[in-house]
Amino acid sequence: MLDTLRDDIRTALAKDPAATSAAAVVLTYPGLHAIWLYRLAHALWASDREFAARLVSHLGRVLTGVEIHPGADVGERLFIDHGMATVVGETADIGDDVLLYHGVTLGGKSMQRTKRHPTLEDGVTIGANATLIGPVTIGENSTVGAGAVVVDDVPPETTVVGNPARPVDESDAEPTEAQSPAVTDGCGPDG
């Protein structure tokens, strides 16, 4: 357990350039507090103490602004940066080394008691205010852009943006030298 806590602190220090010390991370990072409270709630949930799990989960939401259902499966080294208004549903699966920004929703699409929330494979990054709906899978090392709405699976190593989210065409991502407008000094064609 202590190794997991240390790992969480090291992850925050590595993934947030604003993190100045382990003490600052431990005392002032609500995303980290949300993960720790989730882990306690999840342990209670797994031992069939669902009411206690829901109480701990609710306390986590009140204290941090992050809501992670105790039934969700969360891997190692999850980092929630600026976590306010982040929601992780009951059947969500989150792999290792995932980064979530504020306002992310991993929401359900069905009222049935089946797999109804997203799966995030290892190394995924989800941008601020992105919404992922239903049992979609976000492939390993993929990125979902800020504000994107994802309703379809995302292949590994892919960046998606927009509503509905679509893969970024690499040729559109960064202009080549031939596509870039000429840089001038602002004096016109005669210099």
Protein backbone atom coordinates (compact mmCIF):
# COMPACT_ATOMS: atom_id res chain seq x y z
CA MET A 1 0.00 0.00 0.00
CA LEU A 2 2.79 2.44 0.86
CA ASP A 3 4.49 1.64 -2.43
CA THR A 4 1.28 2.59 -4.26
CA LEU A 5 1.04 5.89 -2.37
CA ARG A 6 4.67 6.71 -3.14
CA ASP A 7 4.09 5.78 -6.78
CA ASP A 8 1.11 8.18 -6.92
CA ILE A 9 3.22 11.00 -5.50
CA ARG A 10 6.08 10.32 -7.95
CA THR A 11 3.56 10.29 -10.81
CA ALA A 12 2.17 13.70 -9.82
CA LEU A 13 5.68 15.12 -9.59
CA ALA A 14 6.55 13.68 -13.02
CA LYS A 15 3.35 14.69 -14.84
CA ASP A 16 2.82 18.18 -13.43
CA PRO A 17 5.59 20.71 -14.02
CA ALA A 18 3.95 22.94 -11.39
CA ALA A 19 4.51 20.31 -8.68
CA THR A 20 7.24 21.73 -6.47
CA SER A 21 7.61 19.05 -3.80
CA ALA A 22 6.21 15.79 -2.51
CA ALA A 23 4.77 17.67 0.48
CA ALA A 24 2.90 20.09 -1.78
CA VAL A 25 1.51 17.20 -3.83
CA VAL A 26 0.36 15.29 -0.74
CA LEU A 27 -1.26 18.31 0.88
CA THR A 28 -2.69 20.28 -2.05
CA TYR A 29 -3.54 17.98 -4.97
CA PRO A 30 -7.26 17.13 -4.97
CA GLY A 31 -6.87 14.76 -7.92
CA LEU A 32 -4.47 12.70 -5.83
CA HIS A 33 -6.83 12.82 -2.83
CA ALA A 34 -9.67 11.66 -5.09
CA ILE A 35 -7.63 8.65 -6.23
CA TRP A 36 -6.74 7.72 -2.66
CA LEU A 37 -10.35 7.98 -1.52
CA TYR A 38 -11.42 5.97 -4.59
CA ARG A 39 -8.98 3.20 -3.63
CA LEU A 40 -10.51 3.00 -0.16
CA ALA A 41 -14.04 3.03 -1.59
CA HIS A 42 -13.10 0.39 -4.18
CA ALA A 43 -11.70 -1.92 -1.48
CA LEU A 44 -14.96 -1.59 0.43
CA TRP A 45 -16.96 -2.21 -2.78
CA ALA A 46 -14.91 -5.33 -3.56
CA SER A 47 -15.58 -6.69 -0.05
CA ASP A 48 -19.37 -6.31 -0.49
CA ARG A 49 -19.66 -3.24 1.72
CA GLU A 50 -21.33 -1.20 -0.99
CA PHE A 51 -23.06 1.32 1.26
CA ALA A 52 -19.81 2.18 3.05
CA ALA A 53 -18.09 2.37 -0.34
CA ARG A 54 -20.70 4.81 -1.61
CA LEU A 55 -20.29 6.98 1.51
CA VAL A 56 -16.51 7.17 1.04
CA SER A 57 -17.02 7.88 -2.66
CA HIS A 58 -19.46 10.67 -1.85
CA LEU A 59 -17.02 12.14 0.67
CA GLY A 60 -14.35 12.10 -2.05
CA ARG A 61 -16.67 13.96 -4.40
CA VAL A 62 -17.50 16.61 -1.80
CA LEU A 63 -13.87 17.15 -0.81
CA THR A 64 -12.26 17.06 -4.28
CA GLY A 65 -14.91 17.74 -6.94
CA VAL A 66 -13.95 14.42 -8.54
CA GLU A 67 -16.47 11.59 -8.69
CA ILE A 68 -15.08 8.08 -9.21
CA HIS A 69 -17.61 5.30 -8.75
CA PRO A 70 -16.25 2.67 -6.33
CA GLY A 71 -17.09 -0.06 -8.85
CA ALA A 72 -14.81 1.37 -11.54
CA ASP A 73 -11.48 -0.39 -12.18
CA VAL A 74 -8.51 1.98 -12.03
CA GLY A 75 -4.94 0.94 -12.80
CA GLU A 76 -1.68 2.20 -11.39
CA ARG A 77 -0.33 5.73 -11.66
CA LEU A 78 -3.56 7.45 -12.70
CA PHE A 79 -3.05 11.21 -12.49
CA ILE A 80 -6.00 13.59 -12.43
CA ASP A 81 -4.76 17.13 -13.05
CA HIS A 82 -7.06 19.97 -11.98
CA GLY A 83 -9.70 17.31 -11.40
CA MET A 84 -12.78 19.44 -10.68
CA ALA A 85 -15.94 18.07 -12.33
CA THR A 86 -14.30 14.81 -13.43
CA VAL A 87 -16.72 11.87 -13.45
CA VAL A 88 -15.80 8.19 -13.80
CA GLY A 89 -18.73 5.79 -14.10
CA GLU A 90 -19.27 2.41 -12.46
CA THR A 91 -18.14 0.13 -15.29
CA ALA A 92 -15.25 2.29 -16.49
CA ASP A 93 -11.88 0.59 -16.83
CA ILE A 94 -8.77 2.76 -16.62
CA GLY A 95 -5.36 1.28 -17.40
CA ASP A 96 -1.96 2.23 -16.05
CA ASP A 97 -0.25 5.60 -16.57
CA VAL A 98 -3.42 7.43 -17.63
CA LEU A 99 -3.73 11.22 -17.41
CA LEU A 100 -7.12 12.93 -17.03
CA TYR A 101 -7.63 16.68 -17.02
CA HIS A 102 -10.52 18.58 -15.41
CA GLY A 103 -14.08 18.15 -16.52
CA VAL A 104 -13.57 14.70 -18.08
CA THR A 105 -16.66 12.49 -18.15
CA LEU A 106 -16.46 8.73 -18.61
CA GLY A 107 -20.21 8.29 -18.91
CA GLY A 108 -22.64 5.49 -19.51
CA LYS A 109 -24.88 5.02 -22.50
CA SER A 110 -27.28 2.40 -21.19
CA MET A 111 -29.56 1.91 -18.21
CA GLN A 112 -28.81 -1.85 -18.29
CA ARG A 113 -26.49 -3.42 -15.73
CA THR A 114 -23.84 -4.26 -18.31
CA LYS A 115 -20.54 -2.77 -19.41
CA ARG A 116 -21.72 0.74 -20.23
CA HIS A 117 -18.75 3.06 -19.57
CA PRO A 118 -15.46 3.62 -21.44
CA THR A 119 -12.24 1.63 -21.25
CA LEU A 120 -8.99 3.60 -21.29
CA GLU A 121 -5.97 1.47 -22.09
CA ASP A 122 -2.47 2.15 -20.73
CA GLY A 123 -0.87 5.52 -21.42
CA VAL A 124 -4.03 7.36 -22.51
CA THR A 125 -4.39 11.13 -22.08
CA ILE A 126 -7.85 12.72 -21.94
CA GLY A 127 -8.00 16.51 -22.40
CA ALA A 128 -10.04 18.98 -20.37
CA ASN A 129 -13.83 18.76 -20.68
CA ALA A 130 -13.73 15.73 -22.97
CA THR A 131 -16.80 13.48 -22.81
CA LEU A 132 -16.57 9.77 -23.56
CA ILE A 133 -19.92 7.99 -23.72
CA GLY A 134 -20.67 4.28 -23.69
CA PRO A 135 -18.50 1.16 -23.76
CA VAL A 136 -15.93 2.65 -26.13
CA THR A 137 -12.27 1.67 -25.94
CA ILE A 138 -9.51 4.26 -26.16
CA GLY A 139 -6.43 2.43 -27.40
CA GLU A 140 -3.04 2.42 -25.77
CA ASN A 141 -1.10 5.71 -25.81
CA SER A 142 -3.93 7.60 -27.51
CA THR A 143 -4.95 11.18 -26.81
CA VAL A 144 -8.44 12.66 -26.70
CA GLY A 145 -8.36 16.41 -27.26
CA ALA A 146 -9.95 18.98 -24.97
CA GLY A 147 -13.69 19.25 -25.43
CA ALA A 148 -13.92 16.19 -27.68
CA VAL A 149 -17.02 13.99 -27.60
CA VAL A 150 -16.08 10.35 -28.12
CA VAL A 151 -18.77 7.83 -29.07
CA ASP A 152 -16.63 5.37 -31.09
CA ASP A 153 -13.52 3.34 -30.32
CA VAL A 154 -10.15 5.06 -30.78
CA PRO A 155 -7.27 2.93 -32.13
CA PRO A 156 -3.94 2.81 -30.26
CA GLU A 157 -1.49 5.68 -30.82
CA THR A 158 -4.22 7.97 -32.21
CA THR A 159 -5.20 11.55 -31.39
CA VAL A 160 -8.87 12.47 -31.75
CA VAL A 161 -10.53 15.89 -31.54
CA GLY A 162 -13.93 17.45 -32.14
CA ASN A 163 -17.61 16.60 -31.75
CA PRO A 164 -17.99 13.87 -32.72
CA ALA A 165 -14.32 13.03 -32.18
CA ARG A 166 -12.35 12.16 -35.29
CA PRO A 167 -8.68 11.26 -35.74
CA VAL A 168 -6.35 14.13 -36.44
CA ASP A 169 -4.94 13.84 -39.94
CA GLU A 170 -1.20 14.07 -39.40
CA SER A 171 -0.84 16.15 -42.55
CA ASP A 172 -3.19 18.71 -40.99
CA ALA A 173 -1.56 18.65 -37.54
CA GLU A 174 1.55 20.66 -38.38
CA PRO A 175 2.21 22.41 -41.68
CA THR A 176 5.32 21.37 -43.54
CA GLU A 177 7.77 24.01 -44.68
CA ALA A 178 6.14 24.05 -48.11
CA GLN A 179 2.70 24.63 -46.53
CA SER A 180 3.82 27.30 -44.06
CA PRO A 181 3.19 30.91 -45.00
CA ALA A 182 6.31 32.93 -45.62
CA VAL A 183 7.55 34.82 -42.63
CA THR A 184 8.08 38.50 -43.31
CA ASP A 185 9.26 41.43 -41.28
CA GLY A 186 5.91 43.18 -41.82
CA CYS A 187 7.27 45.72 -44.31
CA GLY A 188 5.61 44.32 -47.41
CA PRO A 189 7.08 42.64 -50.49
CA ASP A 190 9.75 45.29 -51.01
CA GLY A 191 11.18 44.79 -47.53
